[in-house]
């Protein structure tokens, strides 16, 4: 996998998500573990977050959770991680996750997932990192986001090349190909019709 040894997964904590998204989270944990990658995530036990962690650990991965005190009290930290960091704020959490990760994977999620994604894309725009960002577009969940990114570019709020800051794939099984092939694989970004 080259320089990539640790991958941060952003995803939702909702327990009400449809089964297709839960299945994708289960598969993502399996895929990353079987590739020998360490998993960094938000530290929660609920929803897609918990499923990614559980299935990564069940398949032998080291899993590190980072959760702010507020969410530890509200949602609960995952009880059996390889390592758990309880931090003071959401900002500290996102910074720590980005420092530990060599790449970022985005599964379906809500406002928190969008916040994490947009911050890491903004940091990429500001040349604070050049790590891969892979958006797993399960069931077309992120289609509106893809259109929004293209609209931002078409309306001249970002240069054309910024579309390559994130790569969209349709399933967890496609993630490893992107990680293995680096920038060349990201240049295959399909156009939005």
N, C-alpha and C. Protein backbone atom coordinates (compact mmCIF):
# COMPACT_ATOMS: atom_id res chain seq x y z
N UNK A 1 0.83 -1.19 0.00
CA UNK A 1 0.00 0.00 0.00
C UNK A 1 0.87 1.25 0.00
N UNK A 2 2.19 1.07 -0.13
CA UNK A 2 3.08 2.23 -0.22
C UNK A 2 3.17 2.99 1.08
N UNK A 3 2.98 4.30 1.00
CA UNK A 3 3.10 5.17 2.17
C UNK A 3 1.86 5.14 3.06
N UNK A 4 0.81 4.50 2.62
CA UNK A 4 -0.45 4.53 3.38
C UNK A 4 -0.52 3.33 4.32
N UNK A 5 -0.49 3.65 5.61
CA UNK A 5 -0.57 2.61 6.62
C UNK A 5 -1.75 2.81 7.56
N UNK A 6 -2.23 4.05 7.61
CA UNK A 6 -3.30 4.40 8.55
C UNK A 6 -4.36 5.22 7.82
N UNK A 7 -5.60 4.80 7.93
CA UNK A 7 -6.69 5.44 7.18
C UNK A 7 -7.75 5.95 8.15
N UNK A 8 -8.15 7.20 7.96
CA UNK A 8 -9.23 7.78 8.76
C UNK A 8 -10.55 7.56 8.03
N UNK A 9 -11.55 7.07 8.75
CA UNK A 9 -12.88 6.87 8.18
C UNK A 9 -13.85 7.84 8.84
N UNK A 10 -14.47 8.69 8.02
CA UNK A 10 -15.53 9.58 8.47
C UNK A 10 -16.86 8.94 8.09
N UNK A 11 -17.80 8.87 9.02
CA UNK A 11 -19.12 8.30 8.71
C UNK A 11 -20.10 8.62 9.82
N UNK A 12 -21.35 8.30 9.58
CA UNK A 12 -22.41 8.65 10.49
C UNK A 12 -22.50 7.77 11.73
N UNK A 13 -23.11 8.33 12.77
CA UNK A 13 -23.35 7.60 14.02
C UNK A 13 -24.82 7.24 14.19
N UNK A 14 -25.64 7.59 13.20
CA UNK A 14 -27.08 7.31 13.32
C UNK A 14 -27.35 5.81 13.29
N UNK A 15 -28.15 5.34 14.22
CA UNK A 15 -28.54 3.93 14.24
C UNK A 15 -29.73 3.68 13.33
N UNK A 16 -30.31 4.75 12.77
CA UNK A 16 -31.50 4.61 11.92
C UNK A 16 -31.15 4.49 10.43
N UNK A 17 -29.88 4.51 10.10
CA UNK A 17 -29.48 4.44 8.68
C UNK A 17 -29.98 3.14 8.05
N UNK A 18 -30.31 3.21 6.77
CA UNK A 18 -30.78 2.03 6.04
C UNK A 18 -29.71 0.94 6.02
N UNK A 19 -30.16 -0.29 5.86
CA UNK A 19 -29.27 -1.45 5.91
C UNK A 19 -28.17 -1.39 4.85
N UNK A 20 -28.44 -0.82 3.70
CA UNK A 20 -27.43 -0.76 2.64
C UNK A 20 -26.20 0.02 3.11
N UNK A 21 -26.40 1.04 3.94
CA UNK A 21 -25.29 1.83 4.46
C UNK A 21 -24.57 1.09 5.59
N UNK A 22 -25.33 0.37 6.39
CA UNK A 22 -24.72 -0.45 7.44
C UNK A 22 -23.86 -1.55 6.83
N UNK A 23 -24.37 -2.17 5.76
CA UNK A 23 -23.59 -3.22 5.09
C UNK A 23 -22.28 -2.66 4.52
N UNK A 24 -22.35 -1.45 4.00
CA UNK A 24 -21.13 -0.82 3.45
C UNK A 24 -20.12 -0.55 4.57
N UNK A 25 -20.59 -0.14 5.74
CA UNK A 25 -19.69 0.10 6.87
C UNK A 25 -19.03 -1.19 7.33
N UNK A 26 -19.80 -2.27 7.39
CA UNK A 26 -19.26 -3.58 7.74
C UNK A 26 -18.16 -3.96 6.75
N UNK A 27 -18.48 -3.82 5.47
CA UNK A 27 -17.51 -4.18 4.42
C UNK A 27 -16.26 -3.30 4.47
N UNK A 28 -16.45 -2.01 4.76
CA UNK A 28 -15.30 -1.10 4.81
C UNK A 28 -14.34 -1.54 5.89
N UNK A 29 -14.86 -1.90 7.07
CA UNK A 29 -14.00 -2.39 8.14
C UNK A 29 -13.24 -3.63 7.74
N UNK A 30 -13.91 -4.56 7.05
CA UNK A 30 -13.28 -5.79 6.60
C UNK A 30 -12.18 -5.50 5.58
N UNK A 31 -12.49 -4.68 4.60
CA UNK A 31 -11.55 -4.37 3.52
C UNK A 31 -10.27 -3.74 4.07
N UNK A 32 -10.43 -2.76 4.95
CA UNK A 32 -9.26 -2.08 5.50
C UNK A 32 -8.41 -3.02 6.35
N UNK A 33 -9.07 -3.85 7.15
CA UNK A 33 -8.34 -4.80 7.99
C UNK A 33 -7.57 -5.81 7.15
N UNK A 34 -8.22 -6.35 6.14
CA UNK A 34 -7.58 -7.37 5.31
C UNK A 34 -6.41 -6.80 4.50
N UNK A 35 -6.42 -5.48 4.30
CA UNK A 35 -5.30 -4.82 3.61
C UNK A 35 -4.18 -4.46 4.59
N UNK A 36 -4.38 -4.76 5.87
CA UNK A 36 -3.36 -4.50 6.87
C UNK A 36 -3.27 -3.04 7.29
N UNK A 37 -4.34 -2.29 7.10
CA UNK A 37 -4.33 -0.86 7.43
C UNK A 37 -4.86 -0.61 8.84
N UNK A 38 -4.27 0.35 9.50
CA UNK A 38 -4.79 0.82 10.78
C UNK A 38 -5.96 1.76 10.50
N UNK A 39 -6.99 1.69 11.34
CA UNK A 39 -8.19 2.50 11.14
C UNK A 39 -8.28 3.55 12.24
N UNK A 40 -8.46 4.80 11.80
CA UNK A 40 -8.70 5.92 12.70
C UNK A 40 -10.15 6.33 12.49
N UNK A 41 -10.89 6.57 13.58
CA UNK A 41 -12.28 6.99 13.42
C UNK A 41 -12.70 7.80 14.63
N UNK A 42 -13.94 8.24 14.63
CA UNK A 42 -14.44 9.17 15.64
C UNK A 42 -14.65 8.62 17.03
N UNK A 43 -14.40 7.34 17.25
CA UNK A 43 -14.42 6.77 18.59
C UNK A 43 -15.75 6.34 19.13
N UNK A 44 -16.83 6.53 18.37
CA UNK A 44 -18.16 6.17 18.86
C UNK A 44 -18.49 4.71 18.65
N UNK A 45 -19.49 4.26 19.40
CA UNK A 45 -19.91 2.86 19.30
C UNK A 45 -21.18 2.70 18.46
N UNK A 46 -21.81 3.82 18.06
CA UNK A 46 -23.10 3.75 17.39
C UNK A 46 -22.99 3.86 15.87
N UNK A 47 -24.02 3.38 15.20
CA UNK A 47 -24.17 3.59 13.76
C UNK A 47 -23.04 3.01 12.93
N UNK A 48 -22.79 3.68 11.80
CA UNK A 48 -21.76 3.22 10.89
C UNK A 48 -20.39 3.25 11.54
N UNK A 49 -20.16 4.24 12.42
CA UNK A 49 -18.87 4.32 13.11
C UNK A 49 -18.58 3.03 13.87
N UNK A 50 -19.54 2.58 14.66
CA UNK A 50 -19.35 1.36 15.43
C UNK A 50 -19.17 0.14 14.55
N UNK A 51 -19.90 0.09 13.45
CA UNK A 51 -19.79 -1.06 12.54
C UNK A 51 -18.43 -1.12 11.85
N UNK A 52 -17.92 0.02 11.42
CA UNK A 52 -16.57 0.03 10.81
C UNK A 52 -15.56 -0.48 11.83
N UNK A 53 -15.60 0.07 13.04
CA UNK A 53 -14.64 -0.32 14.08
C UNK A 53 -14.76 -1.81 14.43
N UNK A 54 -15.97 -2.26 14.67
CA UNK A 54 -16.19 -3.66 15.06
C UNK A 54 -15.64 -4.62 14.01
N UNK A 55 -15.94 -4.33 12.76
CA UNK A 55 -15.55 -5.27 11.71
C UNK A 55 -14.09 -5.14 11.33
N UNK A 56 -13.50 -3.98 11.51
CA UNK A 56 -12.05 -3.86 11.32
C UNK A 56 -11.33 -4.68 12.39
N UNK A 57 -11.75 -4.52 13.65
CA UNK A 57 -11.11 -5.27 14.74
C UNK A 57 -11.35 -6.77 14.60
N UNK A 58 -12.55 -7.16 14.18
CA UNK A 58 -12.86 -8.58 14.02
C UNK A 58 -11.98 -9.23 12.96
N UNK A 59 -11.45 -8.42 12.06
CA UNK A 59 -10.58 -8.93 11.00
C UNK A 59 -9.11 -8.59 11.24
N UNK A 60 -8.78 -8.23 12.48
CA UNK A 60 -7.39 -8.09 12.88
C UNK A 60 -6.77 -6.71 12.80
N UNK A 61 -7.55 -5.69 12.51
CA UNK A 61 -6.98 -4.34 12.39
C UNK A 61 -6.81 -3.69 13.75
N UNK A 62 -5.83 -2.83 13.82
CA UNK A 62 -5.67 -1.93 14.96
C UNK A 62 -6.60 -0.74 14.69
N UNK A 63 -7.42 -0.39 15.69
CA UNK A 63 -8.41 0.68 15.52
C UNK A 63 -8.23 1.72 16.63
N UNK A 64 -8.06 2.97 16.20
CA UNK A 64 -7.88 4.07 17.13
C UNK A 64 -9.08 5.01 17.04
N UNK A 65 -9.70 5.25 18.17
CA UNK A 65 -10.84 6.16 18.23
C UNK A 65 -10.46 7.46 18.90
N UNK A 66 -11.02 8.55 18.38
CA UNK A 66 -10.78 9.87 18.96
C UNK A 66 -12.15 10.54 19.15
N UNK A 67 -12.50 10.77 20.40
CA UNK A 67 -13.83 11.28 20.69
C UNK A 67 -13.74 12.44 21.68
N UNK A 68 -14.47 13.51 21.41
CA UNK A 68 -14.49 14.60 22.39
C UNK A 68 -15.34 14.22 23.60
N UNK A 69 -15.01 14.79 24.74
CA UNK A 69 -15.71 14.49 26.00
C UNK A 69 -17.23 14.65 25.85
N UNK A 70 -17.65 15.69 25.14
CA UNK A 70 -19.08 15.95 24.93
C UNK A 70 -19.77 14.74 24.31
N UNK A 71 -19.18 14.17 23.26
CA UNK A 71 -19.80 13.03 22.59
C UNK A 71 -19.63 11.74 23.38
N UNK A 72 -18.57 11.64 24.15
CA UNK A 72 -18.41 10.47 25.00
C UNK A 72 -19.59 10.39 25.96
N UNK A 73 -19.98 11.53 26.51
CA UNK A 73 -21.11 11.56 27.43
C UNK A 73 -22.44 11.37 26.70
N UNK A 74 -22.54 11.89 25.47
CA UNK A 74 -23.79 11.90 24.73
C UNK A 74 -24.06 10.58 24.00
N UNK A 75 -23.06 10.09 23.25
CA UNK A 75 -23.25 8.90 22.43
C UNK A 75 -22.56 7.67 23.00
N UNK A 76 -21.51 7.88 23.75
CA UNK A 76 -20.75 6.77 24.31
C UNK A 76 -19.57 6.39 23.43
N UNK A 77 -18.42 6.23 24.07
CA UNK A 77 -17.22 5.80 23.35
C UNK A 77 -17.27 4.30 23.12
N UNK A 78 -16.65 3.86 22.06
CA UNK A 78 -16.56 2.43 21.78
C UNK A 78 -15.77 1.77 22.90
N UNK A 79 -16.27 0.68 23.47
CA UNK A 79 -15.65 0.12 24.67
C UNK A 79 -14.41 -0.74 24.47
N UNK A 80 -14.10 -1.16 23.24
CA UNK A 80 -13.03 -2.16 23.11
C UNK A 80 -12.05 -1.86 21.96
N UNK A 81 -11.65 -0.63 21.85
CA UNK A 81 -10.73 -0.24 20.78
C UNK A 81 -9.29 -0.57 21.14
N UNK A 82 -8.44 -0.59 20.13
CA UNK A 82 -7.01 -0.77 20.37
C UNK A 82 -6.48 0.41 21.17
N UNK A 83 -7.02 1.59 20.88
CA UNK A 83 -6.59 2.82 21.54
C UNK A 83 -7.74 3.82 21.47
N UNK A 84 -7.98 4.54 22.56
CA UNK A 84 -9.03 5.55 22.59
C UNK A 84 -8.46 6.84 23.17
N UNK A 85 -8.67 7.93 22.45
CA UNK A 85 -8.26 9.26 22.91
C UNK A 85 -9.53 10.06 23.21
N UNK A 86 -9.66 10.55 24.42
CA UNK A 86 -10.76 11.44 24.78
C UNK A 86 -10.18 12.85 24.80
N UNK A 87 -10.72 13.70 23.91
CA UNK A 87 -10.15 15.03 23.73
C UNK A 87 -11.15 16.10 24.17
N UNK A 88 -10.68 17.35 24.20
CA UNK A 88 -11.50 18.42 24.75
C UNK A 88 -12.55 18.95 23.80
N UNK A 89 -12.26 19.06 22.50
CA UNK A 89 -13.20 19.67 21.57
C UNK A 89 -13.27 18.90 20.26
N UNK A 90 -14.28 19.24 19.46
CA UNK A 90 -14.41 18.68 18.11
C UNK A 90 -13.20 19.09 17.26
N UNK A 91 -12.73 20.31 17.44
CA UNK A 91 -11.58 20.79 16.67
C UNK A 91 -10.34 19.95 16.97
N UNK A 92 -10.12 19.67 18.24
CA UNK A 92 -8.98 18.83 18.63
C UNK A 92 -9.12 17.44 18.03
N UNK A 93 -10.34 16.92 18.05
CA UNK A 93 -10.59 15.60 17.49
C UNK A 93 -10.21 15.55 16.01
N UNK A 94 -10.69 16.52 15.24
CA UNK A 94 -10.43 16.52 13.79
C UNK A 94 -8.94 16.68 13.49
N UNK A 95 -8.28 17.52 14.26
CA UNK A 95 -6.84 17.72 14.07
C UNK A 95 -6.08 16.43 14.34
N UNK A 96 -6.40 15.77 15.44
CA UNK A 96 -5.73 14.52 15.82
C UNK A 96 -5.98 13.43 14.78
N UNK A 97 -7.21 13.33 14.31
CA UNK A 97 -7.53 12.32 13.29
C UNK A 97 -6.71 12.57 12.03
N UNK A 98 -6.61 13.83 11.63
CA UNK A 98 -5.88 14.14 10.40
C UNK A 98 -4.39 13.88 10.56
N UNK A 99 -3.86 14.12 11.74
CA UNK A 99 -2.44 13.88 11.98
C UNK A 99 -2.08 12.40 11.93
N UNK A 100 -2.98 11.54 12.39
CA UNK A 100 -2.72 10.11 12.45
C UNK A 100 -2.95 9.39 11.12
N UNK A 101 -3.68 10.03 10.21
CA UNK A 101 -4.10 9.36 8.98
C UNK A 101 -3.20 9.69 7.79
N UNK A 102 -3.05 8.69 6.92
CA UNK A 102 -2.35 8.87 5.65
C UNK A 102 -3.34 9.06 4.50
N UNK A 103 -4.61 8.80 4.77
CA UNK A 103 -5.68 8.95 3.76
C UNK A 103 -7.01 9.04 4.50
N UNK A 104 -8.02 9.52 3.79
CA UNK A 104 -9.34 9.72 4.38
C UNK A 104 -10.40 9.03 3.52
N UNK A 105 -11.30 8.33 4.19
CA UNK A 105 -12.41 7.66 3.52
C UNK A 105 -13.70 8.22 4.11
N UNK A 106 -14.63 8.56 3.24
CA UNK A 106 -15.89 9.16 3.69
C UNK A 106 -17.04 8.24 3.28
N UNK A 107 -17.70 7.67 4.27
CA UNK A 107 -18.91 6.88 4.05
C UNK A 107 -20.11 7.80 4.27
N UNK A 108 -21.32 7.35 3.96
CA UNK A 108 -22.49 8.18 4.24
C UNK A 108 -22.56 8.60 5.71
N UNK A 109 -23.07 9.80 5.89
CA UNK A 109 -23.21 10.35 7.24
C UNK A 109 -23.99 11.65 7.18
N UNK A 110 -24.07 12.32 8.31
CA UNK A 110 -24.84 13.55 8.41
C UNK A 110 -23.98 14.78 8.45
N UNK A 111 -24.44 15.78 9.22
CA UNK A 111 -23.75 17.07 9.28
C UNK A 111 -22.31 16.94 9.79
N UNK A 112 -22.11 16.06 10.78
CA UNK A 112 -20.76 15.88 11.32
C UNK A 112 -19.80 15.33 10.28
N UNK A 113 -20.28 14.38 9.48
CA UNK A 113 -19.46 13.82 8.42
C UNK A 113 -19.14 14.87 7.37
N UNK A 114 -20.14 15.68 7.03
CA UNK A 114 -19.90 16.78 6.08
C UNK A 114 -18.88 17.77 6.63
N UNK A 115 -18.99 18.08 7.91
CA UNK A 115 -18.05 19.00 8.54
C UNK A 115 -16.62 18.46 8.42
N UNK A 116 -16.45 17.18 8.73
CA UNK A 116 -15.12 16.58 8.65
C UNK A 116 -14.61 16.58 7.21
N UNK A 117 -15.47 16.22 6.28
CA UNK A 117 -15.09 16.19 4.87
C UNK A 117 -14.69 17.57 4.37
N UNK A 118 -15.53 18.57 4.62
CA UNK A 118 -15.24 19.90 4.09
C UNK A 118 -13.99 20.51 4.73
N UNK A 119 -13.76 20.19 6.00
CA UNK A 119 -12.54 20.71 6.61
C UNK A 119 -11.31 20.09 5.97
N UNK A 120 -11.33 18.78 5.74
CA UNK A 120 -10.16 18.13 5.17
C UNK A 120 -9.96 18.56 3.72
N UNK A 121 -11.05 18.84 2.98
CA UNK A 121 -10.92 19.37 1.62
C UNK A 121 -10.38 20.80 1.64
N UNK A 122 -10.82 21.60 2.60
CA UNK A 122 -10.32 22.96 2.72
C UNK A 122 -8.83 22.95 3.05
N UNK A 123 -8.43 22.05 3.95
CA UNK A 123 -7.00 21.95 4.29
C UNK A 123 -6.19 21.52 3.06
N UNK A 124 -6.79 20.69 2.22
CA UNK A 124 -6.12 20.30 0.97
C UNK A 124 -5.96 21.51 0.06
N UNK A 125 -7.02 22.30 -0.06
CA UNK A 125 -7.00 23.51 -0.89
C UNK A 125 -5.92 24.48 -0.39
N UNK A 126 -5.73 24.54 0.92
CA UNK A 126 -4.74 25.43 1.51
C UNK A 126 -3.34 24.81 1.55
N UNK A 127 -3.20 23.65 0.93
CA UNK A 127 -1.93 22.92 0.84
C UNK A 127 -1.39 22.52 2.21
N UNK A 128 -2.29 22.25 3.13
CA UNK A 128 -1.90 21.76 4.45
C UNK A 128 -1.67 20.24 4.44
N UNK A 129 -2.15 19.57 3.40
CA UNK A 129 -1.88 18.14 3.21
C UNK A 129 -2.12 17.81 1.74
N UNK A 130 -1.63 16.64 1.32
CA UNK A 130 -1.92 16.16 -0.03
C UNK A 130 -2.34 14.69 0.02
N UNK A 131 -3.04 14.33 1.07
CA UNK A 131 -3.47 12.95 1.30
C UNK A 131 -4.73 12.65 0.49
N UNK A 132 -4.86 11.40 0.04
CA UNK A 132 -6.07 11.02 -0.70
C UNK A 132 -7.33 11.15 0.15
N UNK A 133 -8.40 11.60 -0.51
CA UNK A 133 -9.73 11.67 0.10
C UNK A 133 -10.65 10.87 -0.82
N UNK A 134 -11.23 9.82 -0.29
CA UNK A 134 -12.07 8.92 -1.09
C UNK A 134 -13.48 8.93 -0.51
N UNK A 135 -14.42 9.29 -1.35
CA UNK A 135 -15.83 9.36 -0.95
C UNK A 135 -16.54 8.12 -1.49
N UNK A 136 -17.05 7.30 -0.59
CA UNK A 136 -17.71 6.05 -0.98
C UNK A 136 -19.19 6.35 -1.17
N UNK A 137 -19.58 6.40 -2.44
CA UNK A 137 -20.90 6.86 -2.86
C UNK A 137 -21.91 5.71 -2.89
N UNK A 138 -22.11 5.09 -1.75
CA UNK A 138 -23.02 3.95 -1.64
C UNK A 138 -24.44 4.38 -2.02
N UNK A 139 -25.04 3.63 -2.93
CA UNK A 139 -26.44 3.85 -3.29
C UNK A 139 -26.69 5.27 -3.80
N UNK A 140 -25.64 5.92 -4.36
CA UNK A 140 -25.78 7.28 -4.87
C UNK A 140 -25.94 8.34 -3.80
N UNK A 141 -25.61 7.98 -2.54
CA UNK A 141 -25.82 8.90 -1.42
C UNK A 141 -25.15 10.25 -1.63
N UNK A 142 -23.93 10.24 -2.17
CA UNK A 142 -23.16 11.47 -2.33
C UNK A 142 -23.33 12.12 -3.70
N UNK A 143 -24.26 11.66 -4.53
CA UNK A 143 -24.48 12.30 -5.84
C UNK A 143 -24.73 13.80 -5.73
N UNK A 144 -25.58 14.26 -4.79
CA UNK A 144 -25.78 15.71 -4.68
C UNK A 144 -24.50 16.47 -4.33
N UNK A 145 -23.63 15.84 -3.52
CA UNK A 145 -22.35 16.47 -3.18
C UNK A 145 -21.47 16.59 -4.41
N UNK A 146 -21.42 15.55 -5.20
CA UNK A 146 -20.61 15.59 -6.42
C UNK A 146 -21.09 16.73 -7.33
N UNK A 147 -22.40 16.86 -7.46
CA UNK A 147 -22.96 17.95 -8.29
C UNK A 147 -22.62 19.32 -7.68
N UNK A 148 -22.68 19.42 -6.35
CA UNK A 148 -22.34 20.67 -5.69
C UNK A 148 -20.88 21.05 -5.94
N UNK A 149 -19.99 20.09 -5.84
CA UNK A 149 -18.57 20.37 -6.10
C UNK A 149 -18.39 20.90 -7.51
N UNK A 150 -19.04 20.26 -8.47
CA UNK A 150 -18.92 20.72 -9.85
C UNK A 150 -19.57 22.10 -10.03
N UNK A 151 -20.65 22.36 -9.32
CA UNK A 151 -21.28 23.67 -9.40
C UNK A 151 -20.37 24.76 -8.82
N UNK A 152 -19.71 24.46 -7.72
CA UNK A 152 -18.75 25.41 -7.13
C UNK A 152 -17.69 25.78 -8.16
N UNK A 153 -17.22 24.79 -8.89
CA UNK A 153 -16.18 25.03 -9.90
C UNK A 153 -16.77 25.78 -11.09
N UNK A 154 -17.93 25.35 -11.57
CA UNK A 154 -18.56 26.01 -12.72
C UNK A 154 -18.89 27.47 -12.44
N UNK A 155 -19.19 27.79 -11.18
CA UNK A 155 -19.51 29.17 -10.80
C UNK A 155 -18.27 29.96 -10.38
N UNK A 156 -17.09 29.39 -10.63
CA UNK A 156 -15.80 30.05 -10.41
C UNK A 156 -15.48 30.35 -8.94
N UNK A 157 -15.96 29.50 -8.03
CA UNK A 157 -15.57 29.63 -6.64
C UNK A 157 -14.41 28.70 -6.29
N UNK A 158 -13.99 27.89 -7.24
CA UNK A 158 -12.82 27.03 -7.07
C UNK A 158 -12.28 26.68 -8.46
N UNK A 159 -10.97 26.49 -8.58
CA UNK A 159 -10.39 26.10 -9.86
C UNK A 159 -10.81 24.68 -10.27
N UNK A 160 -10.76 24.40 -11.54
CA UNK A 160 -11.15 23.09 -12.08
C UNK A 160 -10.42 21.94 -11.39
N UNK A 161 -9.14 22.11 -11.16
CA UNK A 161 -8.34 21.05 -10.55
C UNK A 161 -8.78 20.62 -9.17
N UNK A 162 -9.55 21.46 -8.50
CA UNK A 162 -9.99 21.11 -7.15
C UNK A 162 -11.01 19.96 -7.15
N UNK A 163 -11.57 19.65 -8.29
CA UNK A 163 -12.45 18.48 -8.39
C UNK A 163 -11.69 17.19 -8.08
N UNK A 164 -10.37 17.23 -8.26
CA UNK A 164 -9.56 16.05 -8.02
C UNK A 164 -9.14 15.89 -6.56
N UNK A 165 -9.54 16.82 -5.70
CA UNK A 165 -9.19 16.71 -4.29
C UNK A 165 -9.89 15.52 -3.63
N UNK A 166 -10.98 15.08 -4.21
CA UNK A 166 -11.70 13.92 -3.69
C UNK A 166 -12.03 12.99 -4.85
N UNK A 167 -11.93 11.71 -4.60
CA UNK A 167 -12.28 10.70 -5.58
C UNK A 167 -13.55 9.99 -5.12
N UNK A 168 -14.51 9.87 -6.01
CA UNK A 168 -15.75 9.17 -5.71
C UNK A 168 -15.66 7.73 -6.21
N UNK A 169 -16.03 6.78 -5.35
CA UNK A 169 -16.17 5.38 -5.74
C UNK A 169 -17.54 4.91 -5.30
N UNK A 170 -17.99 3.79 -5.85
CA UNK A 170 -19.34 3.32 -5.56
C UNK A 170 -19.43 2.32 -4.41
N UNK A 171 -18.29 1.73 -4.05
CA UNK A 171 -18.34 0.70 -3.01
C UNK A 171 -17.04 0.64 -2.23
N UNK A 172 -17.08 0.08 -1.03
CA UNK A 172 -15.86 -0.07 -0.23
C UNK A 172 -14.78 -0.88 -0.95
N UNK A 173 -15.18 -1.83 -1.78
CA UNK A 173 -14.20 -2.68 -2.46
C UNK A 173 -13.33 -1.91 -3.45
N UNK A 174 -13.76 -0.73 -3.88
CA UNK A 174 -12.98 0.07 -4.83
C UNK A 174 -11.94 0.95 -4.15
N UNK A 175 -12.01 1.07 -2.84
CA UNK A 175 -11.14 1.98 -2.11
C UNK A 175 -9.67 1.59 -2.22
N UNK A 176 -9.37 0.31 -2.09
CA UNK A 176 -7.97 -0.11 -2.09
C UNK A 176 -7.27 0.19 -3.41
N UNK A 177 -7.99 0.07 -4.51
CA UNK A 177 -7.39 0.39 -5.81
C UNK A 177 -6.95 1.85 -5.84
N UNK A 178 -7.77 2.73 -5.31
CA UNK A 178 -7.42 4.15 -5.26
C UNK A 178 -6.20 4.36 -4.38
N UNK A 179 -6.18 3.72 -3.22
CA UNK A 179 -5.06 3.88 -2.30
C UNK A 179 -3.76 3.32 -2.90
N UNK A 180 -3.87 2.21 -3.61
CA UNK A 180 -2.68 1.58 -4.19
C UNK A 180 -2.13 2.35 -5.37
N UNK A 181 -3.01 2.95 -6.16
CA UNK A 181 -2.58 3.60 -7.40
C UNK A 181 -2.38 5.10 -7.29
N UNK A 182 -2.69 5.67 -6.14
CA UNK A 182 -2.40 7.08 -5.88
C UNK A 182 -3.03 8.04 -6.85
N UNK A 183 -2.29 9.08 -7.19
CA UNK A 183 -2.80 10.19 -7.98
C UNK A 183 -3.29 9.76 -9.36
N UNK A 184 -2.62 8.78 -9.96
CA UNK A 184 -3.04 8.34 -11.30
C UNK A 184 -4.48 7.84 -11.28
N UNK A 185 -4.83 7.12 -10.21
CA UNK A 185 -6.19 6.62 -10.09
C UNK A 185 -7.19 7.76 -9.88
N UNK A 186 -6.78 8.79 -9.16
CA UNK A 186 -7.67 9.92 -8.90
C UNK A 186 -7.95 10.73 -10.15
N UNK A 187 -7.10 10.64 -11.12
CA UNK A 187 -7.30 11.40 -12.36
C UNK A 187 -8.41 10.81 -13.23
N UNK A 188 -8.94 9.65 -12.83
CA UNK A 188 -10.01 9.02 -13.58
C UNK A 188 -11.39 9.50 -13.15
N UNK A 189 -11.44 10.60 -12.41
CA UNK A 189 -12.72 11.12 -11.90
C UNK A 189 -13.74 11.26 -13.02
N UNK A 190 -14.89 10.55 -12.90
CA UNK A 190 -15.91 10.66 -13.94
C UNK A 190 -16.58 12.03 -13.92
N UNK A 191 -17.04 12.44 -15.07
CA UNK A 191 -17.75 13.72 -15.12
C UNK A 191 -19.18 13.53 -14.63
N UNK A 192 -19.78 14.61 -14.23
CA UNK A 192 -21.17 14.58 -13.78
C UNK A 192 -22.05 14.95 -14.95
N UNK A 193 -23.00 14.09 -15.27
CA UNK A 193 -23.87 14.36 -16.41
C UNK A 193 -25.15 15.01 -16.04
